Amino acid sequence: MRRREFNTLLGGAFAAWPFAVRAQQSERVRRIAVLNGTAPTGQSPAAYAAFLRRLGVLGWTDGRNVRIEERWANSDPELMRNYGTELASHSPDVFLVQSNPALAALRPLAGNTPIVFVQVADPVGSGFVASLARPGSNITGFTNFEPSMGSKWLEMLKQIAPNVDHATAILHRETPAHAAFWREAEAAAPKVGVNLVAAGVHDSAEVERAITAVAAQPNGGLNVYPHTVKEVHLRLIIELAGKYRLPAVYPFRYHAEAGGLLSYGVDALDLVPRAADYVDRILRGANPGELPVQAPTKFELVINLKTAKTLGLTVPPTLLAQADEVIE
């Protein structure tokens, strides 16, 4: 080999070496902060575990190239604010947040840090994003319900309990998504022959008053809208519905598993892992404001036959045929 060729080769090797070193040095560990608005119960832990598995498939491993910090706020607004402040102080690269109240608490704390949300209803009506197609700003994610669910829950109540002629929607009036659910349900009520009223609840006393009132007349029923307040008092709602023999429709699978009559809503085990794809894209440079908000693609109907029997209800075969799971 000629000396000039050797020097050229050697020089090329030395020139390439710093680039490789710089590439390794510039690959920093990224930070993901997770704020779960609810408690680690029901499907939530399994859905979060599925999110982590999907991240791993996409090349992100906690402790290797990413550090993940998660907090569970147990449906407590003060904890949501405190945890949001704590997580924001760690300067994460992206937030994952679950539930409307948790997103509302985190939004003013996050600054310009990207936020990917899951299990959030009516994000446009709630003021979190400008539109579903182009959310704008630093927030995007995966919505779990649309307004038409309000009428769907009422129709299912009438299907499983045809004698119901009056019902109460247990909701949180301050939540924009609930106002949207209510409008749809109110419009559907005359069509299915149900006199529907709304009961806004914030605590156990209001929950008990609302259920006692609907039970004062025969042939009553309940629609329970999704909210952290309902999660805190879920056991009370199910117990009172059983005590007063009220058929009730709930939004999540684990409500039926806990003794509720029927649940219809988004499959969290399908929805939450999809958020990992958005987190991955943001960590690789995508603008969250240009990632469209995605709607749920999989819903599930769960019927608790044991509860139906206790209430003296015979579940129509057509409804049983639609069920994704029947709890014997």
Protein backbone atom coordinates (compact mmCIF):
# COMPACT_ATOMS: atom_id res chain seq x y z
CA MET A 1 0.00 0.00 0.00
CA ARG A 2 1.34 3.44 -0.91
CA ARG A 3 2.06 5.78 1.96
CA ARG A 4 -0.41 8.37 0.65
CA GLU A 5 -3.19 5.75 0.50
CA PHE A 6 -2.37 4.58 4.02
CA ASN A 7 -2.47 8.14 5.37
CA THR A 8 -5.79 8.74 3.60
CA LEU A 9 -7.27 5.57 5.08
CA LEU A 10 -5.91 6.36 8.52
CA GLY A 11 -7.16 9.91 8.32
CA GLY A 12 -10.60 8.68 7.29
CA ALA A 13 -10.71 6.34 10.26
CA PHE A 14 -9.78 9.14 12.66
CA ALA A 15 -12.34 11.40 11.00
CA ALA A 16 -15.10 8.80 11.37
CA TRP A 17 -14.27 8.00 15.00
CA PRO A 18 -15.39 11.31 16.53
CA PHE A 19 -18.74 11.11 14.70
CA ALA A 20 -19.43 7.68 16.23
CA VAL A 21 -18.44 8.93 19.68
CA ARG A 22 -20.56 12.05 19.33
CA ALA A 23 -23.53 9.94 18.22
CA GLN A 24 -23.24 7.78 21.35
CA GLN A 25 -22.77 10.77 23.61
CA SER A 26 -25.80 12.58 22.14
CA GLU A 27 -28.14 9.64 22.74
CA ARG A 28 -29.55 10.73 26.08
CA VAL A 29 -32.08 8.89 28.19
CA ARG A 30 -35.54 10.30 27.53
CA ARG A 31 -38.16 10.90 30.22
CA ILE A 32 -41.83 9.92 30.14
CA ALA A 33 -44.09 11.16 32.95
CA VAL A 34 -47.37 9.28 33.49
CA LEU A 35 -50.28 10.78 35.45
CA ASN A 36 -53.16 8.35 35.96
CA GLY A 37 -56.23 10.11 37.28
CA THR A 38 -57.73 6.99 38.82
CA ALA A 39 -56.60 4.27 41.23
CA PRO A 40 -54.64 1.20 40.06
CA THR A 41 -57.79 -0.93 40.04
CA GLY A 42 -60.02 -2.54 37.43
CA GLN A 43 -58.48 -2.68 33.97
CA SER A 44 -56.16 0.29 34.55
CA PRO A 45 -53.03 -1.66 35.65
CA ALA A 46 -53.39 -4.16 32.80
CA ALA A 47 -53.88 -1.35 30.28
CA TYR A 48 -50.80 0.47 31.58
CA ALA A 49 -48.77 -2.75 31.40
CA ALA A 50 -49.88 -3.15 27.79
CA PHE A 51 -48.73 0.42 27.11
CA LEU A 52 -45.27 -0.44 28.47
CA ARG A 53 -45.09 -3.60 26.36
CA ARG A 54 -45.95 -1.63 23.24
CA LEU A 55 -43.24 0.91 24.09
CA GLY A 56 -40.78 -1.98 24.31
CA VAL A 57 -41.78 -3.21 20.87
CA LEU A 58 -41.12 0.30 19.57
CA GLY A 59 -37.61 0.27 21.04
CA TRP A 60 -38.05 2.06 24.38
CA THR A 61 -37.04 0.22 27.53
CA ASP A 62 -37.39 1.71 30.99
CA GLY A 63 -33.94 1.99 32.56
CA ARG A 64 -32.09 1.72 29.25
CA ASN A 65 -32.99 4.53 26.87
CA VAL A 66 -36.03 5.91 28.66
CA ARG A 67 -36.99 6.63 32.24
CA ILE A 68 -40.67 6.36 33.13
CA GLU A 69 -42.24 7.84 36.24
CA GLU A 70 -45.88 7.10 36.94
CA ARG A 71 -48.31 8.36 39.57
CA TRP A 72 -51.83 7.18 40.42
CA ALA A 73 -54.03 9.98 41.74
CA ASN A 74 -56.86 7.77 43.06
CA SER A 75 -59.51 10.14 41.60
CA ASP A 76 -58.37 12.85 44.05
CA PRO A 77 -58.18 16.34 42.42
CA GLU A 78 -55.62 17.55 44.94
CA LEU A 79 -53.38 14.56 44.26
CA MET A 80 -53.70 15.21 40.53
CA ARG A 81 -52.40 18.76 40.99
CA ASN A 82 -49.65 17.72 43.38
CA TYR A 83 -48.46 14.84 41.22
CA GLY A 84 -48.70 17.00 38.11
CA THR A 85 -46.47 19.62 39.73
CA GLU A 86 -44.01 16.97 40.87
CA LEU A 87 -43.79 15.28 37.48
CA ALA A 88 -43.46 18.59 35.63
CA SER A 89 -40.53 19.55 37.87
CA HIS A 90 -38.58 16.59 36.45
CA SER A 91 -38.66 18.14 32.94
CA PRO A 92 -40.06 15.13 31.05
CA ASP A 93 -39.89 14.90 27.28
CA VAL A 94 -43.54 13.86 27.09
CA PHE A 95 -46.50 13.28 29.41
CA LEU A 96 -49.02 10.46 29.25
CA VAL A 97 -52.18 11.43 31.14
CA GLN A 98 -55.38 9.47 31.81
CA SER A 99 -58.85 10.97 32.52
CA ASN A 100 -60.43 14.38 31.94
CA PRO A 101 -59.81 15.73 35.47
CA ALA A 102 -56.15 14.68 35.38
CA LEU A 103 -55.64 16.38 32.00
CA ALA A 104 -57.36 19.54 33.27
CA ALA A 105 -55.04 19.56 36.29
CA LEU A 106 -51.88 18.86 34.29
CA ARG A 107 -52.46 21.19 31.35
CA PRO A 108 -51.49 24.47 33.08
CA LEU A 109 -48.49 22.80 34.73
CA ALA A 110 -46.97 21.20 31.65
CA GLY A 111 -45.91 24.37 29.80
CA ASN A 112 -45.00 23.44 26.23
CA THR A 113 -44.15 19.81 27.05
CA PRO A 114 -46.08 17.44 24.75
CA ILE A 115 -49.04 15.65 26.31
CA VAL A 116 -50.61 12.43 25.03
CA PHE A 117 -53.96 11.70 26.67
CA VAL A 118 -56.02 8.52 26.98
CA GLN A 119 -59.48 7.85 28.41
CA VAL A 120 -60.55 11.45 27.80
CA ALA A 121 -64.10 12.20 26.62
CA ASP A 122 -65.04 15.07 24.27
CA PRO A 123 -61.58 16.72 24.14
CA VAL A 124 -62.84 19.46 21.81
CA GLY A 125 -65.86 20.35 23.94
CA SER A 126 -63.65 20.22 27.02
CA GLY A 127 -61.31 22.79 25.47
CA PHE A 128 -58.25 20.56 25.41
CA VAL A 129 -57.74 20.58 21.62
CA ALA A 130 -58.84 22.85 18.77
CA SER A 131 -60.14 19.98 16.62
CA LEU A 132 -59.80 16.24 16.32
CA ALA A 133 -58.06 16.42 12.94
CA ARG A 134 -55.57 19.14 13.94
CA PRO A 135 -55.44 19.43 17.72
CA GLY A 136 -52.87 22.26 17.67
CA SER A 137 -50.69 23.29 20.62
CA ASN A 138 -48.94 20.53 22.58
CA ILE A 139 -51.82 18.13 23.28
CA THR A 140 -53.15 15.12 21.38
CA GLY A 141 -54.30 11.62 22.21
CA PHE A 142 -57.07 9.06 22.26
CA THR A 143 -60.63 9.86 23.21
CA ASN A 144 -62.71 7.13 24.81
CA PHE A 145 -66.29 8.26 24.28
CA GLU A 146 -68.37 10.28 21.87
CA PRO A 147 -71.60 12.17 22.67
CA SER A 148 -73.84 9.51 21.06
CA MET A 149 -72.92 7.17 23.90
CA GLY A 150 -75.42 9.10 26.03
CA SER A 151 -78.31 7.76 23.96
CA LYS A 152 -76.70 4.33 23.61
CA TRP A 153 -76.55 3.81 27.40
CA LEU A 154 -80.23 4.78 27.73
CA GLU A 155 -81.27 2.46 24.89
CA MET A 156 -79.38 -0.44 26.51
CA LEU A 157 -81.07 0.25 29.84
CA LYS A 158 -84.46 -0.05 28.11
CA GLN A 159 -83.35 -3.21 26.30
CA ILE A 160 -82.31 -5.08 29.41
CA ALA A 161 -85.16 -3.71 31.54
CA PRO A 162 -88.16 -3.01 29.26
CA ASN A 163 -90.40 -1.98 32.19
CA VAL A 164 -88.23 1.01 33.06
CA ASP A 165 -90.27 4.17 32.49
CA HIS A 166 -88.15 6.69 34.40
CA ALA A 167 -84.39 6.90 34.92
CA THR A 168 -81.69 9.09 36.38
CA ALA A 169 -78.39 9.88 34.71
CA ILE A 170 -75.77 10.16 37.44
CA LEU A 171 -73.31 12.70 36.11
CA HIS A 172 -70.93 15.56 36.87
CA ARG A 173 -72.50 18.78 35.60
CA GLU A 174 -69.20 20.64 35.43
CA THR A 175 -67.74 18.18 32.92
CA PRO A 176 -68.39 19.31 29.31
CA ALA A 177 -68.42 15.70 28.07
CA HIS A 178 -71.31 14.93 30.41
CA ALA A 179 -73.28 17.85 29.01
CA ALA A 180 -72.79 16.31 25.55
CA PHE A 181 -73.84 12.85 26.77
CA TRP A 182 -76.90 14.37 28.42
CA ARG A 183 -78.07 16.21 25.29
CA GLU A 184 -78.00 12.96 23.32
CA ALA A 185 -79.74 11.00 26.07
CA GLU A 186 -82.38 13.69 26.59
CA ALA A 187 -83.23 13.64 22.88
CA ALA A 188 -83.48 9.83 22.88
CA ALA A 189 -85.58 9.53 26.04
CA PRO A 190 -89.04 10.18 24.46
CA LYS A 191 -88.27 7.72 21.65
CA VAL A 192 -87.68 4.86 24.11
CA GLY A 193 -90.49 5.90 26.46
CA VAL A 194 -88.35 6.93 29.45
CA ASN A 195 -88.73 10.04 31.58
CA LEU A 196 -85.07 10.95 32.13
CA VAL A 197 -83.67 13.32 34.75
CA ALA A 198 -80.09 14.37 35.50
CA ALA A 199 -78.49 14.16 38.93
CA GLY A 200 -75.19 15.95 39.38
CA VAL A 201 -73.11 14.36 42.13
CA HIS A 202 -69.87 15.29 43.87
CA ASP A 203 -69.87 13.16 47.02
CA SER A 204 -71.45 10.11 48.66
CA ALA A 205 -74.37 12.07 50.13
CA GLU A 206 -75.40 13.34 46.69
CA VAL A 207 -75.01 9.86 45.22
CA GLU A 208 -77.31 8.42 47.88
CA ARG A 209 -79.92 11.18 47.44
CA ALA A 210 -79.97 10.71 43.67
CA ILE A 211 -80.44 6.94 43.83
CA THR A 212 -83.00 7.12 46.65
CA ALA A 213 -85.04 9.62 44.61
CA VAL A 214 -85.24 7.42 41.52
CA ALA A 215 -86.10 4.43 43.70
CA ALA A 216 -89.06 6.26 45.25
CA GLN A 217 -91.19 5.28 42.25
CA PRO A 218 -91.40 1.77 40.72
CA ASN A 219 -89.82 0.91 37.36
CA GLY A 220 -86.82 3.20 37.77
CA GLY A 221 -83.31 2.79 36.35
CA LEU A 222 -79.87 4.35 36.26
CA ASN A 223 -77.28 5.46 33.74
CA VAL A 224 -73.88 6.06 35.34
CA TYR A 225 -71.64 8.38 33.33
CA PRO A 226 -67.83 7.95 33.41
CA HIS A 227 -66.03 10.24 35.85
CA THR A 228 -63.52 9.98 38.67
CA VAL A 229 -66.27 10.90 41.19
CA LYS A 230 -68.14 7.76 40.14
CA GLU A 231 -64.98 5.68 40.50
CA VAL A 232 -64.53 6.86 44.09
CA HIS A 233 -68.14 5.93 44.90
CA LEU A 234 -68.56 2.95 42.57
CA ARG A 235 -69.05 0.44 45.35
CA LEU A 236 -71.72 2.65 46.92
CA ILE A 237 -73.55 3.07 43.59
CA ILE A 238 -73.57 -0.69 42.91
CA GLU A 239 -74.72 -1.47 46.46
CA LEU A 240 -77.55 1.07 46.36
CA ALA A 241 -78.66 -0.11 42.92
CA GLY A 242 -78.87 -3.63 44.34
CA LYS A 243 -80.60 -2.52 47.53
CA TYR A 244 -83.35 -0.70 45.62
CA ARG A 245 -83.44 -3.26 42.80
CA LEU A 246 -82.60 -0.69 40.15
CA PRO A 247 -81.23 -1.82 36.77
CA ALA A 248 -78.19 0.27 35.91
CA VAL A 249 -75.89 0.69 32.91
CA TYR A 250 -72.22 1.53 33.47
CA PRO A 251 -69.42 2.63 31.11
CA PHE A 252 -66.58 0.20 31.91
CA ARG A 253 -66.10 -3.58 31.94
CA TYR A 254 -64.87 -3.74 35.53
CA HIS A 255 -68.11 -2.10 36.69
CA ALA A 256 -70.01 -5.18 35.54
CA GLU A 257 -67.29 -7.39 36.99
CA ALA A 258 -67.78 -5.59 40.33
CA GLY A 259 -71.49 -6.42 40.35
CA GLY A 260 -73.04 -3.86 38.02
CA LEU A 261 -75.80 -5.14 35.76
CA LEU A 262 -74.41 -4.11 32.37
CA SER A 263 -71.45 -2.18 31.04
CA TYR A 264 -70.88 -0.78 27.59
CA GLY A 265 -67.85 1.22 26.62
CA VAL A 266 -64.39 1.38 25.15
CA ASP A 267 -61.98 -1.52 25.57
CA ALA A 268 -59.16 0.06 27.59
CA LEU A 269 -56.80 -2.82 26.79
CA ASP A 270 -57.11 -1.86 23.14
CA LEU A 271 -57.09 1.93 23.55
CA VAL A 272 -54.27 2.65 26.00
CA PRO A 273 -51.46 0.72 24.22
CA ARG A 274 -52.15 2.75 21.08
CA ALA A 275 -50.92 5.81 22.95
CA ALA A 276 -47.42 4.29 22.97
CA ASP A 277 -47.23 4.88 19.22
CA TYR A 278 -47.86 8.60 19.69
CA VAL A 279 -45.34 8.79 22.55
CA ASP A 280 -42.80 7.08 20.30
CA ARG A 281 -43.43 9.49 17.42
CA ILE A 282 -43.12 12.51 19.70
CA LEU A 283 -39.85 11.26 21.19
CA ARG A 284 -38.58 10.93 17.63
CA GLY A 285 -39.50 14.52 16.80
CA ALA A 286 -43.17 14.60 15.77
CA ASN A 287 -45.25 17.68 16.61
CA PRO A 288 -48.17 16.63 18.86
CA GLY A 289 -50.35 19.40 17.45
CA GLU A 290 -50.19 17.72 14.06
CA LEU A 291 -51.09 14.22 15.30
CA PRO A 292 -54.89 13.81 14.99
CA VAL A 293 -56.89 12.80 18.03
CA GLN A 294 -58.01 9.22 17.51
CA ALA A 295 -61.37 7.72 18.39
CA PRO A 296 -61.83 4.28 19.95
CA THR A 297 -62.12 1.39 17.54
CA LYS A 298 -63.23 -1.36 19.90
CA PHE A 299 -66.17 -1.32 22.31
CA GLU A 300 -67.29 -4.10 24.60
CA LEU A 301 -70.58 -5.12 26.13
CA VAL A 302 -70.49 -7.07 29.40
CA ILE A 303 -73.61 -8.44 31.09
CA ASN A 304 -73.71 -9.72 34.66
CA LEU A 305 -76.32 -12.50 34.62
CA LYS A 306 -76.02 -13.01 38.36
CA THR A 307 -77.07 -9.40 38.96
CA ALA A 308 -79.83 -9.70 36.35
CA LYS A 309 -81.23 -12.73 38.17
CA THR A 310 -81.12 -10.87 41.50
CA LEU A 311 -83.11 -8.04 39.92
CA GLY A 312 -85.62 -10.48 38.42
CA LEU A 313 -84.65 -9.62 34.85
CA THR A 314 -84.60 -11.95 31.88
CA VAL A 315 -81.92 -10.73 29.48
CA PRO A 316 -83.23 -10.71 25.88
CA PRO A 317 -81.46 -13.26 23.65
CA THR A 318 -80.66 -10.50 21.13
CA LEU A 319 -78.75 -8.59 23.81
CA LEU A 320 -76.97 -11.73 25.01
CA ALA A 321 -75.89 -12.40 21.43
CA GLN A 322 -74.25 -8.97 21.27
CA ALA A 323 -72.32 -9.40 24.53
CA ASP A 324 -68.55 -9.72 24.48
CA GLU A 325 -68.70 -11.39 27.89
CA VAL A 326 -71.45 -12.80 30.08
CA ILE A 327 -70.73 -13.11 33.79
CA GLU A 328 -72.56 -16.16 35.15
